[in-house]
């Protein structure tokens, strides 16, 4: 049926603590690519260990990956492209807010989290998390504008089948003959942050303001400030605000 290699092993949980944590536990004894999926998390987390609200009916996926041919920095790009294509299939147009939010009309519908584990400066494994708001039928009490497939379309989508589909889309990119630079180029085309005014708060408390010139092939943001051009890595950022 499929003309490309697939990540074959997927474990599905109706409820779990965290799909990311399950992957970390598997990595201690398992050395093949693996996908963990759930429709509810009890201890979900986002970037910088922020709490990720994970109500039942949405989709929570984590890929345990042992990348050899792919550079680590392209993995979150592949995840974003997979979610965007999944939403396109469901007739929803989405864009990327750098570095890892998938947006529809200014509201977040999906987020991506990547955790890498190194030993002696060599990558041991990566875990790539995807949270996608599918069947949430009311807004959460959080300060981030957000939406869901159901809130937009009124349609209920099967969570596990959606996980299977995103897994196949991810595999299509991950195992493709596309170079990492080609993957990066596809990803950059979906970013709507380019050429906009932005305020960036870094983890060290530094505040930067300027115009987003571009995102380079490593996925870093290039911000033109009053004094110079700043290259900003995703891991440096506490908060990014885009002017409307």
Protein backbone atom coordinates (compact mmCIF):
# COMPACT_ATOMS: atom_id res chain seq x y z
CA UNK A 1 0.00 0.00 0.00
CA UNK A 2 2.75 2.45 0.98
CA UNK A 3 5.64 3.11 -1.39
CA UNK A 4 7.89 4.37 1.39
CA UNK A 5 9.31 3.00 4.61
CA UNK A 6 7.17 3.35 7.73
CA UNK A 7 7.82 3.66 11.43
CA UNK A 8 6.19 0.32 12.09
CA UNK A 9 5.79 0.19 15.86
CA UNK A 10 3.05 2.32 17.42
CA UNK A 11 1.72 1.86 20.94
CA UNK A 12 -1.59 3.53 21.76
CA UNK A 13 -2.86 4.51 25.21
CA UNK A 14 -6.28 5.92 26.00
CA UNK A 15 -4.65 7.67 28.98
CA UNK A 16 -1.03 8.06 30.00
CA UNK A 17 1.22 10.27 32.10
CA UNK A 18 3.25 11.68 29.20
CA UNK A 19 4.03 10.20 25.80
CA UNK A 20 7.43 11.91 26.00
CA UNK A 21 8.23 10.22 29.32
CA UNK A 22 7.14 6.82 27.99
CA UNK A 23 9.56 7.24 25.08
CA UNK A 24 12.39 8.12 27.47
CA UNK A 25 11.67 4.94 29.43
CA UNK A 26 11.65 2.83 26.26
CA UNK A 27 14.97 4.34 25.17
CA UNK A 28 16.69 2.66 28.12
CA UNK A 29 16.16 -0.78 26.57
CA UNK A 30 14.77 -0.32 23.04
CA UNK A 31 16.86 0.81 20.06
CA UNK A 32 14.39 1.08 17.18
CA UNK A 33 12.15 3.91 16.01
CA UNK A 34 8.89 3.92 17.94
CA UNK A 35 5.70 5.99 18.16
CA UNK A 36 3.69 6.42 21.35
CA UNK A 37 0.19 7.89 21.03
CA UNK A 38 -2.59 8.85 23.40
CA UNK A 39 -5.85 10.79 23.48
CA UNK A 40 -5.18 12.11 26.98
CA UNK A 41 -2.11 12.96 29.07
CA UNK A 42 -2.10 13.43 32.82
CA UNK A 43 1.33 15.10 32.97
CA UNK A 44 1.85 16.60 29.53
CA UNK A 45 4.56 19.20 29.07
CA UNK A 46 5.64 21.69 26.45
CA UNK A 47 8.82 23.66 25.85
CA UNK A 48 10.85 24.78 28.88
CA UNK A 49 8.91 22.16 30.92
CA UNK A 50 5.76 24.26 30.79
CA UNK A 51 2.56 22.40 31.62
CA UNK A 52 0.80 21.28 28.43
CA UNK A 53 -2.95 21.07 28.98
CA UNK A 54 -3.88 17.64 27.61
CA UNK A 55 -7.65 17.05 27.80
CA UNK A 56 -9.22 13.88 26.46
CA UNK A 57 -10.13 13.85 22.79
CA UNK A 58 -7.05 15.53 21.39
CA UNK A 59 -3.98 13.82 19.94
CA UNK A 60 -0.66 13.44 21.72
CA UNK A 61 2.18 11.73 19.87
CA UNK A 62 5.84 11.15 20.66
CA UNK A 63 8.34 9.64 18.24
CA UNK A 64 11.40 7.88 19.66
CA UNK A 65 14.03 8.27 16.93
CA UNK A 66 17.61 7.16 16.44
CA UNK A 67 18.55 9.54 13.61
CA UNK A 68 21.48 8.51 11.47
CA UNK A 69 20.90 10.00 8.04
CA UNK A 70 18.93 13.03 9.22
CA UNK A 71 20.48 15.96 11.04
CA UNK A 72 18.82 16.40 14.41
CA UNK A 73 17.68 19.97 13.72
CA UNK A 74 15.46 18.83 10.83
CA UNK A 75 13.28 16.52 12.95
CA UNK A 76 10.95 19.22 14.28
CA UNK A 77 10.68 20.55 10.72
CA UNK A 78 9.48 17.16 9.51
CA UNK A 79 6.95 17.03 12.35
CA UNK A 80 5.59 20.46 11.41
CA UNK A 81 5.31 19.54 7.73
CA UNK A 82 3.46 16.35 8.68
CA UNK A 83 0.91 18.20 10.81
CA UNK A 84 0.38 20.86 8.13
CA UNK A 85 -0.22 18.19 5.48
CA UNK A 86 -2.62 16.36 7.81
CA UNK A 87 -4.59 19.57 8.32
CA UNK A 88 -4.56 20.23 4.57
CA UNK A 89 -6.11 16.80 4.03
CA UNK A 90 -8.85 17.92 6.40
CA UNK A 91 -9.27 21.13 4.37
CA UNK A 92 -7.66 23.37 6.99
CA UNK A 93 -4.97 25.86 6.00
CA UNK A 94 -2.30 26.33 8.66
CA UNK A 95 1.03 28.08 9.03
CA UNK A 96 4.06 27.91 11.32
CA UNK A 97 4.78 30.50 13.98
CA UNK A 98 8.51 30.12 14.51
CA UNK A 99 9.81 27.91 15.94
CA UNK A 100 7.30 25.19 16.79
CA UNK A 101 3.66 26.35 16.81
CA UNK A 102 1.13 25.45 14.12
CA UNK A 103 -1.44 28.21 13.74
CA UNK A 104 -4.80 28.73 12.06
CA UNK A 105 -5.98 32.34 11.77
CA UNK A 106 -3.73 33.45 14.61
CA UNK A 107 -4.76 30.65 16.98
CA UNK A 108 -2.59 27.71 18.00
CA UNK A 109 -3.83 24.29 16.97
CA UNK A 110 -0.65 22.26 17.45
CA UNK A 111 2.71 22.43 19.17
CA UNK A 112 5.94 20.50 18.71
CA UNK A 113 8.54 19.59 21.31
CA UNK A 114 11.95 18.03 20.65
CA UNK A 115 14.26 16.57 23.29
CA UNK A 116 17.71 15.24 22.37
CA UNK A 117 19.86 12.99 24.54
CA UNK A 118 23.63 13.08 24.01
CA UNK A 119 26.53 11.03 25.33
CA UNK A 120 30.09 12.26 24.84
CA UNK A 121 28.77 14.86 22.38
CA UNK A 122 27.21 12.12 20.25
CA UNK A 123 23.45 11.91 19.74
CA UNK A 124 21.98 8.85 21.43
CA UNK A 125 18.34 9.44 20.55
CA UNK A 126 15.75 12.14 19.95
CA UNK A 127 12.16 12.32 21.09
CA UNK A 128 9.76 14.39 19.06
CA UNK A 129 6.42 15.31 20.60
CA UNK A 130 3.34 16.54 18.76
CA UNK A 131 0.23 17.86 20.46
CA UNK A 132 -2.72 18.44 18.13
CA UNK A 133 -6.10 19.83 19.19
CA UNK A 134 -8.60 17.56 17.48
CA UNK A 135 -11.89 17.13 19.33
CA UNK A 136 -11.66 19.80 22.02
CA UNK A 137 -15.09 21.46 21.99
CA UNK A 138 -14.42 24.44 24.26
CA UNK A 139 -11.53 26.79 24.90
CA UNK A 140 -9.14 26.13 27.78
CA UNK A 141 -8.44 28.67 30.50
CA UNK A 142 -4.97 29.58 29.23
CA UNK A 143 -3.47 32.83 27.94
CA UNK A 144 -2.53 31.44 24.50
CA UNK A 145 -5.10 31.92 21.70
CA UNK A 146 -5.98 28.41 20.55
CA UNK A 147 -8.46 26.37 18.58
CA UNK A 148 -9.20 22.79 17.50
CA UNK A 149 -10.36 20.91 14.43
CA UNK A 150 -13.79 20.44 16.02
CA UNK A 151 -14.14 24.10 16.99
CA UNK A 152 -13.46 25.10 13.37
CA UNK A 153 -15.31 22.37 11.46
CA UNK A 154 -17.71 20.82 14.02
CA UNK A 155 -16.32 17.45 12.90
CA UNK A 156 -15.15 14.74 15.31
CA UNK A 157 -12.02 12.93 14.10
CA UNK A 158 -10.82 9.57 15.38
CA UNK A 159 -7.68 10.17 17.45
CA UNK A 160 -5.90 6.87 16.77
CA UNK A 161 -6.58 6.94 13.02
CA UNK A 162 -5.27 10.51 13.00
CA UNK A 163 -2.13 9.31 14.78
CA UNK A 164 -1.66 6.58 12.16
CA UNK A 165 -2.04 9.14 9.37
CA UNK A 166 0.44 11.60 10.87
CA UNK A 167 2.86 8.71 11.41
CA UNK A 168 2.67 7.80 7.72
CA UNK A 169 3.14 11.45 6.70
CA UNK A 170 6.10 11.78 9.06
CA UNK A 171 7.63 8.59 7.66
CA UNK A 172 7.21 9.89 4.11
CA UNK A 173 9.42 12.89 4.89
CA UNK A 174 11.76 11.18 7.37
CA UNK A 175 12.73 8.31 5.06
CA UNK A 176 12.56 10.28 1.81
CA UNK A 177 15.49 11.06 -0.46
CA UNK A 178 15.02 14.77 0.18
CA UNK A 179 18.16 16.37 1.57
CA UNK A 180 18.09 18.14 4.92
CA UNK A 181 18.38 21.47 3.09
CA UNK A 182 15.37 20.55 0.95
CA UNK A 183 13.39 19.66 4.08
CA UNK A 184 14.43 22.99 5.59
CA UNK A 185 13.31 24.86 2.46
CA UNK A 186 9.87 23.20 2.53
CA UNK A 187 9.54 24.07 6.22
CA UNK A 188 10.55 27.70 5.74
CA UNK A 189 7.88 28.17 3.07
CA UNK A 190 5.22 27.49 5.72
CA UNK A 191 6.52 30.06 8.25
CA UNK A 192 4.39 33.20 8.54
CA UNK A 193 6.81 35.01 10.90
CA UNK A 194 9.07 36.31 8.11
CA UNK A 195 9.11 40.09 7.43
CA UNK A 196 7.08 40.85 10.56
CA UNK A 197 7.97 43.01 13.53
CA UNK A 198 8.76 40.93 16.59
CA UNK A 199 9.57 41.27 20.27
CA UNK A 200 11.77 38.51 21.66
CA UNK A 201 12.33 37.79 25.34
CA UNK A 202 15.34 35.53 25.87
CA UNK A 203 15.79 33.10 28.74
CA UNK A 204 18.54 35.29 30.20
CA UNK A 205 16.14 38.24 30.40
CA UNK A 206 17.43 40.08 27.33
CA UNK A 207 14.71 41.82 25.33
CA UNK A 208 15.13 42.27 21.59
CA UNK A 209 12.92 44.06 19.11
CA UNK A 210 13.11 44.28 15.35
CA UNK A 211 12.08 42.85 12.01
CA UNK A 212 12.35 39.14 11.21
CA UNK A 213 14.55 38.95 8.12
CA UNK A 214 14.54 35.20 7.59
CA UNK A 215 15.00 31.78 9.11
CA UNK A 216 18.25 30.07 8.10
CA UNK A 217 18.74 26.42 7.11
CA UNK A 218 19.56 25.51 10.72
CA UNK A 219 16.14 26.78 11.77
CA UNK A 220 17.53 29.87 13.54
CA UNK A 221 15.71 33.20 13.41
CA UNK A 222 17.53 36.23 11.97
CA UNK A 223 16.24 39.43 13.60
CA UNK A 224 17.21 42.89 12.34
CA UNK A 225 17.44 45.20 15.36
CA UNK A 226 18.38 48.89 15.46
CA UNK A 227 22.05 48.01 15.96
CA UNK A 228 22.70 44.77 14.10
CA UNK A 229 21.35 41.42 12.96
CA UNK A 230 20.82 38.87 15.72
CA UNK A 231 20.79 35.11 15.13
CA UNK A 232 18.39 33.57 17.64
CA UNK A 233 18.17 29.86 18.35
CA UNK A 234 14.85 28.41 19.47
CA UNK A 235 16.37 27.18 22.74
CA UNK A 236 17.28 30.77 23.68
CA UNK A 237 13.71 32.07 23.55
CA UNK A 238 11.32 32.43 26.46
CA UNK A 239 8.63 34.33 24.56
CA UNK A 240 8.15 35.55 21.00
CA UNK A 241 5.50 38.16 20.23
CA UNK A 242 4.65 39.01 16.64
CA UNK A 243 3.13 42.40 15.89
CA UNK A 244 -0.10 42.25 13.94
